[in-house]
Amino acid sequence: MDDNKAIIDSLKKKVSRIIEDNRRLRSEVRELTAERDTVILEKRAAETEIRQLGRRIETLETAAGLMGNRGDSRIARLRVNKLLREIDKCLALMNK
């Protein structure tokens, strides 16, 4: 009879430990999920900023090419042509 009681007590302790581990792990999962979501938002913001800065760089390079010397005029023409192609694509999409 004492053996059965000892086994039951041992099982109760193990079950209690497992339940506590489960609670702790669920809490940790919630924290990690929140952290992941925050990192995803930060990543999206950084990607948006990178795209905006890339556009700004292209604009500044085009402006510098237009204001530059004779050697830069070829580069400026290429950039302007690229911008015109993008505008044409946008207009084509708008006309659909």
PDB file of N, CA and C in Angstrom:
ATOM      1  N   MET A   1       0.810  -1.187   0.000  1.00  0.00           N
ATOM      2  CA  MET A   1       0.000   0.000   0.000  1.00  0.00           C
ATOM      3  C   MET A   1       0.862   1.264   0.000  1.00  0.00           C
ATOM      4  N   ASP A   2       1.944   1.224   0.787  1.00  0.00           N
ATOM      5  CA  ASP A   2       2.846   2.374   0.823  1.00  0.00           C
ATOM      6  C   ASP A   2       3.533   2.574  -0.518  1.00  0.00           C
ATOM      7  N   ASP A   3       3.794   1.462  -1.194  1.00  0.00           N
ATOM      8  CA  ASP A   3       4.414   1.563  -2.520  1.00  0.00           C
ATOM      9  C   ASP A   3       3.491   2.280  -3.498  1.00  0.00           C
ATOM     10  N   ASN A   4       2.219   1.948  -3.431  1.00  0.00           N
ATOM     11  CA  ASN A   4       1.247   2.600  -4.317  1.00  0.00           C
ATOM     12  C   ASN A   4       1.158   4.090  -4.025  1.00  0.00           C
ATOM     13  N   LYS A   5       1.152   4.420  -2.729  1.00  0.00           N
ATOM     14  CA  LYS A   5       1.077   5.831  -2.340  1.00  0.00           C
ATOM     15  C   LYS A   5       2.325   6.571  -2.807  1.00  0.00           C
ATOM     16  N   ALA A   6       3.480   5.948  -2.686  1.00  0.00           N
ATOM     17  CA  ALA A   6       4.727   6.568  -3.131  1.00  0.00           C
ATOM     18  C   ALA A   6       4.713   6.774  -4.646  1.00  0.00           C
ATOM     19  N   ILE A   7       4.199   5.791  -5.355  1.00  0.00           N
ATOM     20  CA  ILE A   7       4.115   5.903  -6.814  1.00  0.00           C
ATOM     21  C   ILE A   7       3.161   7.028  -7.204  1.00  0.00           C
ATOM     22  N   ILE A   8       2.022   7.095  -6.518  1.00  0.00           N
ATOM     23  CA  ILE A   8       1.040   8.141  -6.804  1.00  0.00           C
ATOM     24  C   ILE A   8       1.626   9.513  -6.509  1.00  0.00           C
ATOM     25  N   ASP A   9       2.307   9.646  -5.360  1.00  0.00           N
ATOM     26  CA  ASP A   9       2.935  10.924  -5.015  1.00  0.00           C
ATOM     27  C   ASP A   9       3.989  11.306  -6.050  1.00  0.00           C
ATOM     28  N   SER A  10       4.769  10.331  -6.474  1.00  0.00           N
ATOM     29  CA  SER A  10       5.793  10.586  -7.485  1.00  0.00           C
ATOM     30  C   SER A  10       5.160  11.051  -8.795  1.00  0.00           C
ATOM     31  N   LEU A  11       4.073  10.389  -9.185  1.00  0.00           N
ATOM     32  CA  LEU A  11       3.378  10.775 -10.412  1.00  0.00           C
ATOM     33  C   LEU A  11       2.774  12.172 -10.295  1.00  0.00           C
ATOM     34  N   LYS A  12       2.218  12.495  -9.116  1.00  0.00           N
ATOM     35  CA  LYS A  12       1.651  13.827  -8.902  1.00  0.00           C
ATOM     36  C   LYS A  12       2.726  14.895  -9.061  1.00  0.00           C
ATOM     37  N   LYS A  13       3.897  14.636  -8.487  1.00  0.00           N
ATOM     38  CA  LYS A  13       4.998  15.596  -8.595  1.00  0.00           C
ATOM     39  C   LYS A  13       5.430  15.764 -10.052  1.00  0.00           C
ATOM     40  N   LYS A  14       5.512  14.650 -10.762  1.00  0.00           N
ATOM     41  CA  LYS A  14       5.918  14.719 -12.167  1.00  0.00           C
ATOM     42  C   LYS A  14       4.881  15.461 -13.006  1.00  0.00           C
ATOM     43  N   VAL A  15       3.606  15.184 -12.751  1.00  0.00           N
ATOM     44  CA  VAL A  15       2.541  15.866 -13.487  1.00  0.00           C
ATOM     45  C   VAL A  15       2.562  17.360 -13.169  1.00  0.00           C
ATOM     46  N   SER A  16       2.753  17.701 -11.896  1.00  0.00           N
ATOM     47  CA  SER A  16       2.819  19.115 -11.508  1.00  0.00           C
ATOM     48  C   SER A  16       3.987  19.804 -12.206  1.00  0.00           C
ATOM     49  N   ARG A  17       5.119  19.127 -12.261  1.00  0.00           N
ATOM     50  CA  ARG A  17       6.297  19.682 -12.920  1.00  0.00           C
ATOM     51  C   ARG A  17       6.032  19.870 -14.417  1.00  0.00           C
ATOM     52  N   ILE A  18       5.376  18.900 -15.023  1.00  0.00           N
ATOM     53  CA  ILE A  18       5.059  18.992 -16.452  1.00  0.00           C
ATOM     54  C   ILE A  18       4.086  20.143 -16.711  1.00  0.00           C
ATOM     55  N   ILE A  19       3.089  20.292 -15.844  1.00  0.00           N
ATOM     56  CA  ILE A  19       2.125  21.386 -15.998  1.00  0.00           C
ATOM     57  C   ILE A  19       2.827  22.727 -15.865  1.00  0.00           C
ATOM     58  N   GLU A  20       3.709  22.848 -14.885  1.00  0.00           N
ATOM     59  CA  GLU A  20       4.454  24.094 -14.692  1.00  0.00           C
ATOM     60  C   GLU A  20       5.353  24.374 -15.898  1.00  0.00           C
ATOM     61  N   ASP A  21       6.017  23.349 -16.409  1.00  0.00           N
ATOM     62  CA  ASP A  21       6.848  23.517 -17.608  1.00  0.00           C
ATOM     63  C   ASP A  21       5.995  23.974 -18.790  1.00  0.00           C
ATOM     64  N   ASN A  22       4.814  23.393 -18.914  1.00  0.00           N
ATOM     65  CA  ASN A  22       3.907  23.763 -19.994  1.00  0.00           C
ATOM     66  C   ASN A  22       3.533  25.238 -19.891  1.00  0.00           C
ATOM     67  N   ARG A  23       3.181  25.687 -18.699  1.00  0.00           N
ATOM     68  CA  ARG A  23       2.824  27.100 -18.492  1.00  0.00           C
ATOM     69  C   ARG A  23       3.994  28.014 -18.833  1.00  0.00           C
ATOM     70  N   ARG A  24       5.165  27.630 -18.359  1.00  0.00           N
ATOM     71  CA  ARG A  24       6.364  28.437 -18.613  1.00  0.00           C
ATOM     72  C   ARG A  24       6.646  28.514 -20.115  1.00  0.00           C
ATOM     73  N   LEU A  25       6.538  27.386 -20.792  1.00  0.00           N
ATOM     74  CA  LEU A  25       6.813  27.350 -22.227  1.00  0.00           C
ATOM     75  C   LEU A  25       5.770  28.131 -23.024  1.00  0.00           C
ATOM     76  N   ARG A  26       4.509  28.052 -22.596  1.00  0.00           N
ATOM     77  CA  ARG A  26       3.471  28.834 -23.280  1.00  0.00           C
ATOM     78  C   ARG A  26       3.745  30.332 -23.134  1.00  0.00           C
ATOM     79  N   SER A  27       4.153  30.723 -21.945  1.00  0.00           N
ATOM     80  CA  SER A  27       4.487  32.125 -21.715  1.00  0.00           C
ATOM     81  C   SER A  27       5.672  32.545 -22.592  1.00  0.00           C
ATOM     82  N   GLU A  28       6.660  31.692 -22.662  1.00  0.00           N
ATOM     83  CA  GLU A  28       7.835  31.985 -23.486  1.00  0.00           C
ATOM     84  C   GLU A  28       7.455  32.079 -24.966  1.00  0.00           C
ATOM     85  N   VAL A  29       6.559  31.216 -25.407  1.00  0.00           N
ATOM     86  CA  VAL A  29       6.097  31.254 -26.800  1.00  0.00           C
ATOM     87  C   VAL A  29       5.388  32.583 -27.079  1.00  0.00           C
ATOM     88  N   ARG A  30       4.552  33.035 -26.143  1.00  0.00           N
ATOM     89  CA  ARG A  30       3.860  34.322 -26.324  1.00  0.00           C
ATOM     90  C   ARG A  30       4.866  35.461 -26.438  1.00  0.00           C
ATOM     91  N   GLU A  31       5.870  35.454 -25.567  1.00  0.00           N
ATOM     92  CA  GLU A  31       6.888  36.506 -25.602  1.00  0.00           C
ATOM     93  C   GLU A  31       7.665  36.476 -26.917  1.00  0.00           C
ATOM     94  N   LEU A  32       8.046  35.285 -27.345  1.00  0.00           N
ATOM     95  CA  LEU A  32       8.808  35.162 -28.587  1.00  0.00           C
ATOM     96  C   LEU A  32       7.969  35.547 -29.802  1.00  0.00           C
ATOM     97  N   THR A  33       6.693  35.228 -29.762  1.00  0.00           N
ATOM     98  CA  THR A  33       5.806  35.610 -30.858  1.00  0.00           C
ATOM     99  C   THR A  33       5.691  37.129 -30.939  1.00  0.00           C
ATOM    100  N   ALA A  34       5.544  37.773 -29.788  1.00  0.00           N
ATOM    101  CA  ALA A  34       5.468  39.235 -29.763  1.00  0.00           C
ATOM    102  C   ALA A  34       6.777  39.839 -30.270  1.00  0.00           C
ATOM    103  N   GLU A  35       7.885  39.275 -29.852  1.00  0.00           N
ATOM    104  CA  GLU A  35       9.192  39.765 -30.302  1.00  0.00           C
ATOM    105  C   GLU A  35       9.338  39.583 -31.816  1.00  0.00           C
ATOM    106  N   ARG A  36       8.915  38.433 -32.329  1.00  0.00           N
ATOM    107  CA  ARG A  36       8.972  38.170 -33.771  1.00  0.00           C
ATOM    108  C   ARG A  36       8.141  39.187 -34.542  1.00  0.00           C
ATOM    109  N   ASP A  37       6.934  39.468 -34.039  1.00  0.00           N
ATOM    110  CA  ASP A  37       6.067  40.428 -34.712  1.00  0.00           C
ATOM    111  C   ASP A  37       6.705  41.817 -34.741  1.00  0.00           C
ATOM    112  N   THR A  38       7.347  42.191 -33.641  1.00  0.00           N
ATOM    113  CA  THR A  38       8.035  43.477 -33.581  1.00  0.00           C
ATOM    114  C   THR A  38       9.168  43.525 -34.595  1.00  0.00           C
ATOM    115  N   VAL A  39       9.935  42.453 -34.670  1.00  0.00           N
ATOM    116  CA  VAL A  39      11.055  42.404 -35.612  1.00  0.00           C
ATOM    117  C   VAL A  39      10.547  42.465 -37.056  1.00  0.00           C
ATOM    118  N   ILE A  40       9.439  41.799 -37.329  1.00  0.00           N
ATOM    119  CA  ILE A  40       8.864  41.835 -38.679  1.00  0.00           C
ATOM    120  C   ILE A  40       8.466  43.267 -39.044  1.00  0.00           C
ATOM    121  N   LEU A  41       7.841  43.975 -38.105  1.00  0.00           N
ATOM    122  CA  LEU A  41       7.450  45.363 -38.370  1.00  0.00           C
ATOM    123  C   LEU A  41       8.672  46.244 -38.597  1.00  0.00           C
ATOM    124  N   GLU A  42       9.711  46.047 -37.788  1.00  0.00           N
ATOM    125  CA  GLU A  42      10.939  46.823 -37.954  1.00  0.00           C
ATOM    126  C   GLU A  42      11.579  46.527 -39.311  1.00  0.00           C
ATOM    127  N   LYS A  43      11.546  45.275 -39.710  1.00  0.00           N
ATOM    128  CA  LYS A  43      12.123  44.878 -41.003  1.00  0.00           C
ATOM    129  C   LYS A  43      11.366  45.546 -42.142  1.00  0.00           C
ATOM    130  N   ARG A  44      10.044  45.530 -42.066  1.00  0.00           N
ATOM    131  CA  ARG A  44       9.238  46.170 -43.119  1.00  0.00           C
ATOM    132  C   ARG A  44       9.528  47.663 -43.194  1.00  0.00           C
ATOM    133  N   ALA A  45       9.646  48.298 -42.028  1.00  0.00           N
ATOM    134  CA  ALA A  45       9.946  49.728 -42.003  1.00  0.00           C
ATOM    135  C   ALA A  45      11.317  49.993 -42.622  1.00  0.00           C
ATOM    136  N   ALA A  46      12.289  49.146 -42.302  1.00  0.00           N
ATOM    137  CA  ALA A  46      13.633  49.312 -42.859  1.00  0.00           C
ATOM    138  C   ALA A  46      13.623  49.107 -44.373  1.00  0.00           C
ATOM    139  N   GLU A  47      12.874  48.114 -44.850  1.00  0.00           N
ATOM    140  CA  GLU A  47      12.789  47.875 -46.294  1.00  0.00           C
ATOM    141  C   GLU A  47      12.146  49.060 -47.005  1.00  0.00           C
ATOM    142  N   THR A  48      11.117  49.625 -46.399  1.00  0.00           N
ATOM    143  CA  THR A  48      10.461  50.795 -46.980  1.00  0.00           C
ATOM    144  C   THR A  48      11.432  51.963 -47.047  1.00  0.00           C
ATOM    145  N   GLU A  49      12.167  52.157 -45.970  1.00  0.00           N
ATOM    146  CA  GLU A  49      13.145  53.246 -45.942  1.00  0.00           C
ATOM    147  C   GLU A  49      14.237  53.030 -46.987  1.00  0.00           C
ATOM    148  N   ILE A  50      14.677  51.796 -47.150  1.00  0.00           N
ATOM    149  CA  ILE A  50      15.702  51.489 -48.154  1.00  0.00           C
ATOM    150  C   ILE A  50      15.185  51.820 -49.556  1.00  0.00           C
ATOM    151  N   ARG A  51      13.934  51.433 -49.843  1.00  0.00           N
ATOM    152  CA  ARG A  51      13.358  51.741 -51.156  1.00  0.00           C
ATOM    153  C   ARG A  51      13.269  53.254 -51.375  1.00  0.00           C
ATOM    154  N   GLN A  52      12.831  53.974 -50.348  1.00  0.00           N
ATOM    155  CA  GLN A  52      12.718  55.428 -50.468  1.00  0.00           C
ATOM    156  C   GLN A  52      14.086  56.061 -50.684  1.00  0.00           C
ATOM    157  N   LEU A  53      15.076  55.584 -49.944  1.00  0.00           N
ATOM    158  CA  LEU A  53      16.420  56.132 -50.105  1.00  0.00           C
ATOM    159  C   LEU A  53      16.990  55.795 -51.482  1.00  0.00           C
ATOM    160  N   GLY A  54      16.673  54.608 -51.987  1.00  0.00           N
ATOM    161  CA  GLY A  54      17.117  54.241 -53.333  1.00  0.00           C
ATOM    162  C   GLY A  54      16.534  55.180 -54.381  1.00  0.00           C
ATOM    163  N   ARG A  55      15.242  55.485 -54.231  1.00  0.00           N
ATOM    164  CA  ARG A  55      14.610  56.429 -55.159  1.00  0.00           C
ATOM    165  C   ARG A  55      15.247  57.808 -55.043  1.00  0.00           C
ATOM    166  N   ARG A  56      15.534  58.195 -53.818  1.00  0.00           N
ATOM    167  CA  ARG A  56      16.163  59.501 -53.586  1.00  0.00           C
ATOM    168  C   ARG A  56      17.546  59.550 -54.234  1.00  0.00           C
ATOM    169  N   ILE A  57      18.296  58.466 -54.118  1.00  0.00           N
ATOM    170  CA  ILE A  57      19.626  58.402 -54.733  1.00  0.00           C
ATOM    171  C   ILE A  57      19.509  58.538 -56.247  1.00  0.00           C
ATOM    172  N   GLU A  58      18.561  57.810 -56.839  1.00  0.00           N
ATOM    173  CA  GLU A  58      18.367  57.908 -58.291  1.00  0.00           C
ATOM    174  C   GLU A  58      18.017  59.334 -58.700  1.00  0.00           C
ATOM    175  N   THR A  59      17.158  59.977 -57.920  1.00  0.00           N
ATOM    176  CA  THR A  59      16.773  61.353 -58.220  1.00  0.00           C
ATOM    177  C   THR A  59      17.974  62.276 -58.143  1.00  0.00           C
ATOM    178  N   LEU A  60      18.771  62.119 -57.089  1.00  0.00           N
ATOM    179  CA  LEU A  60      19.950  62.968 -56.930  1.00  0.00           C
ATOM    180  C   LEU A  60      20.980  62.704 -58.016  1.00  0.00           C
ATOM    181  N   GLU A  61      21.145  61.444 -58.410  1.00  0.00           N
ATOM    182  CA  GLU A  61      22.088  61.128 -59.482  1.00  0.00           C
ATOM    183  C   GLU A  61      21.624  61.733 -60.801  1.00  0.00           C
ATOM    184  N   THR A  62      20.325  61.679 -61.049  1.00  0.00           N
ATOM    185  CA  THR A  62      19.788  62.274 -62.274  1.00  0.00           C
ATOM    186  C   THR A  62      19.995  63.784 -62.261  1.00  0.00           C
ATOM    187  N   ALA A  63      19.698  64.400 -61.131  1.00  0.00           N
ATOM    188  CA  ALA A  63      19.884  65.846 -61.018  1.00  0.00           C
ATOM    189  C   ALA A  63      21.350  66.212 -61.188  1.00  0.00           C
ATOM    190  N   ALA A  64      22.232  65.429 -60.585  1.00  0.00           N
ATOM    191  CA  ALA A  64      23.666  65.702 -60.717  1.00  0.00           C
ATOM    192  C   ALA A  64      24.104  65.518 -62.163  1.00  0.00           C
ATOM    193  N   GLY A  65      23.557  64.527 -62.839  1.00  0.00           N
ATOM    194  CA  GLY A  65      23.900  64.302 -64.239  1.00  0.00           C
ATOM    195  C   GLY A  65      23.433  65.428 -65.132  1.00  0.00           C
ATOM    196  N   LEU A  66      22.261  65.968 -64.835  1.00  0.00           N
ATOM    197  CA  LEU A  66      21.744  67.072 -65.636  1.00  0.00           C
ATOM    198  C   LEU A  66      22.545  68.342 -65.424  1.00  0.00           C
ATOM    199  N   MET A  67      23.124  68.489 -64.270  1.00  0.00           N
ATOM    200  CA  MET A  67      23.870  69.698 -63.959  1.00  0.00           C
ATOM    201  C   MET A  67      25.367  69.531 -64.201  1.00  0.00           C
ATOM    202  N   GLY A  68      25.770  68.326 -64.537  1.00  0.00           N
ATOM    203  CA  GLY A  68      27.196  68.037 -64.663  1.00  0.00           C
ATOM    204  C   GLY A  68      27.797  68.521 -65.966  1.00  0.00           C
ATOM    205  N   ASN A  69      29.025  68.067 -66.204  1.00  0.00           N
ATOM    206  CA  ASN A  69      29.749  68.480 -67.402  1.00  0.00           C
ATOM    207  C   ASN A  69      29.340  67.639 -68.605  1.00  0.00           C
ATOM    208  N   ARG A  70      30.027  67.795 -69.721  1.00  0.00           N
ATOM    209  CA  ARG A  70      29.691  67.109 -70.971  1.00  0.00           C
ATOM    210  C   ARG A  70      29.744  65.593 -70.848  1.00  0.00           C
ATOM    211  N   GLY A  71      30.704  65.066 -70.124  1.00  0.00           N
ATOM    212  CA  GLY A  71      30.841  63.621 -69.988  1.00  0.00           C
ATOM    213  C   GLY A  71      29.656  62.999 -69.272  1.00  0.00           C
ATOM    214  N   ASP A  72      29.036  63.763 -68.404  1.00  0.00           N
ATOM    215  CA  ASP A  72      27.904  63.247 -67.648  1.00  0.00           C
ATOM    216  C   ASP A  72      26.590  63.334 -68.421  1.00  0.00           C
ATOM    217  N   SER A  73      26.583  64.041 -69.536  1.00  0.00           N
ATOM    218  CA  SER A  73      25.323  64.222 -70.261  1.00  0.00           C
ATOM    219  C   SER A  73      24.810  62.890 -70.805  1.00  0.00           C
ATOM    220  N   ARG A  74      25.704  62.006 -71.192  1.00  0.00           N
ATOM    221  CA  ARG A  74      25.286  60.681 -71.677  1.00  0.00           C
ATOM    222  C   ARG A  74      24.579  59.921 -70.563  1.00  0.00           C
ATOM    223  N   ILE A  75      25.171  59.952 -69.365  1.00  0.00           N
ATOM    224  CA  ILE A  75      24.574  59.274 -68.209  1.00  0.00           C
ATOM    225  C   ILE A  75      23.222  59.901 -67.884  1.00  0.00           C
ATOM    226  N   ALA A  76      23.164  61.222 -67.960  1.00  0.00           N
ATOM    227  CA  ALA A  76      21.904  61.913 -67.673  1.00  0.00           C
ATOM    228  C   ALA A  76      20.834  61.512 -68.677  1.00  0.00           C
ATOM    229  N   ARG A  77      21.204  61.434 -69.958  1.00  0.00           N
ATOM    230  CA  ARG A  77      20.237  61.023 -70.981  1.00  0.00           C
ATOM    231  C   ARG A  77      19.732  59.613 -70.709  1.00  0.00           C
ATOM    232  N   LEU A  78      20.640  58.718 -70.325  1.00  0.00           N
ATOM    233  CA  LEU A  78      20.240  57.342 -70.017  1.00  0.00           C
ATOM    234  C   LEU A  78      19.251  57.311 -68.855  1.00  0.00           C
ATOM    235  N   ARG A  79      19.519  58.096 -67.843  1.00  0.00           N
ATOM    236  CA  ARG A  79      18.631  58.133 -66.678  1.00  0.00           C
ATOM    237  C   ARG A  79      17.269  58.723 -67.043  1.00  0.00           C
ATOM    238  N   VAL A  80      17.298  59.783 -67.827  1.00  0.00           N
ATOM    239  CA  VAL A  80      16.040  60.399 -68.244  1.00  0.00           C
ATOM    240  C   VAL A  80      15.239  59.410 -69.084  1.00  0.00           C
ATOM    241  N   ASN A  81      15.920  58.704 -69.984  1.00  0.00           N
ATOM    242  CA  ASN A  81      15.228  57.694 -70.795  1.00  0.00           C
ATOM    243  C   ASN A  81      14.627  56.603 -69.913  1.00  0.00           C
ATOM    244  N   LYS A  82      15.370  56.206 -68.893  1.00  0.00           N
ATOM    245  CA  LYS A  82      14.858  55.187 -67.964  1.00  0.00           C
ATOM    246  C   LYS A  82      13.595  55.699 -67.272  1.00  0.00           C
ATOM    247  N   LEU A  83      13.639  56.945 -66.820  1.00  0.00           N
ATOM    248  CA  LEU A  83      12.468  57.532 -66.167  1.00  0.00           C
ATOM    249  C   LEU A  83      11.286  57.617 -67.134  1.00  0.00           C
ATOM    250  N   LEU A  84      11.558  57.984 -68.371  1.00  0.00           N
ATOM    251  CA  LEU A  84      10.480  58.057 -69.362  1.00  0.00           C
ATOM    252  C   LEU A  84       9.868  56.687 -69.618  1.00  0.00           C
ATOM    253  N   ARG A  85      10.695  55.645 -69.668  1.00  0.00           N
ATOM    254  CA  ARG A  85      10.157  54.292 -69.844  1.00  0.00           C
ATOM    255  C   ARG A  85       9.265  53.913 -68.662  1.00  0.00           C
ATOM    256  N   GLU A  86       9.691  54.275 -67.442  1.00  0.00           N
ATOM    257  CA  GLU A  86       8.873  53.988 -66.262  1.00  0.00           C
ATOM    258  C   GLU A  86       7.540  54.729 -66.335  1.00  0.00           C
ATOM    259  N   ILE A  87       7.590  55.983 -66.782  1.00  0.00           N
ATOM    260  CA  ILE A  87       6.359  56.769 -66.918  1.00  0.00           C
ATOM    261  C   ILE A  87       5.451  56.132 -67.961  1.00  0.00           C
ATOM    262  N   ASP A  88       6.038  55.702 -69.084  1.00  0.00           N
ATOM    263  CA  ASP A  88       5.241  55.030 -70.120  1.00  0.00           C
ATOM    264  C   ASP A  88       4.579  53.771 -69.577  1.00  0.00           C
ATOM    265  N   LYS A  89       5.306  53.000 -68.782  1.00  0.00           N
ATOM    266  CA  LYS A  89       4.734  51.790 -68.181  1.00  0.00           C
ATOM    267  C   LYS A  89       3.558  52.149 -67.275  1.00  0.00           C
ATOM    268  N   CYS A  90       3.738  53.200 -66.479  1.00  0.00           N
ATOM    269  CA  CYS A  90       2.663  53.633 -65.575  1.00  0.00           C
ATOM    270  C   CYS A  90       1.431  54.067 -66.367  1.00  0.00           C
ATOM    271  N   LEU A  91       1.665  54.821 -67.425  1.00  0.00           N
ATOM    272  CA  LEU A  91       0.539  55.269 -68.250  1.00  0.00           C
ATOM    273  C   LEU A  91      -0.163  54.087 -68.899  1.00  0.00           C
ATOM    274  N   ALA A  92       0.616  53.108 -69.352  1.00  0.00           N
ATOM    275  CA  ALA A  92       0.013  51.922 -69.964  1.00  0.00           C
ATOM    276  C   ALA A  92      -0.838  51.175 -68.949  1.00  0.00           C
ATOM    277  N   LEU A  93      -0.360  51.080 -67.715  1.00  0.00           N
ATOM    278  CA  LEU A  93      -1.135  50.404 -66.670  1.00  0.00           C
ATOM    279  C   LEU A  93      -2.411  51.177 -66.341  1.00  0.00           C
ATOM    280  N   MET A  94      -2.310  52.490 -66.344  1.00  0.00           N
ATOM    281  CA  MET A  94      -3.483  53.307 -66.032  1.00  0.00           C
ATOM    282  C   MET A  94      -4.533  53.211 -67.133  1.00  0.00           C
ATOM    283  N   ASN A  95      -4.097  53.013 -68.377  1.00  0.00           N
ATOM    284  CA  ASN A  95      -5.022  52.943 -69.509  1.00  0.00           C
ATOM    285  C   ASN A  95      -5.712  51.599 -69.618  1.00  0.00           C
ATOM    286  N   LYS A  96      -5.242  50.601 -68.907  1.00  0.00           N
ATOM    287  CA  LYS A  96      -5.859  49.267 -68.976  1.00  0.00           C
ATOM    288  C   LYS A  96      -7.196  49.245 -68.279  1.00  0.00           C
TER     289      LYS A  96
END
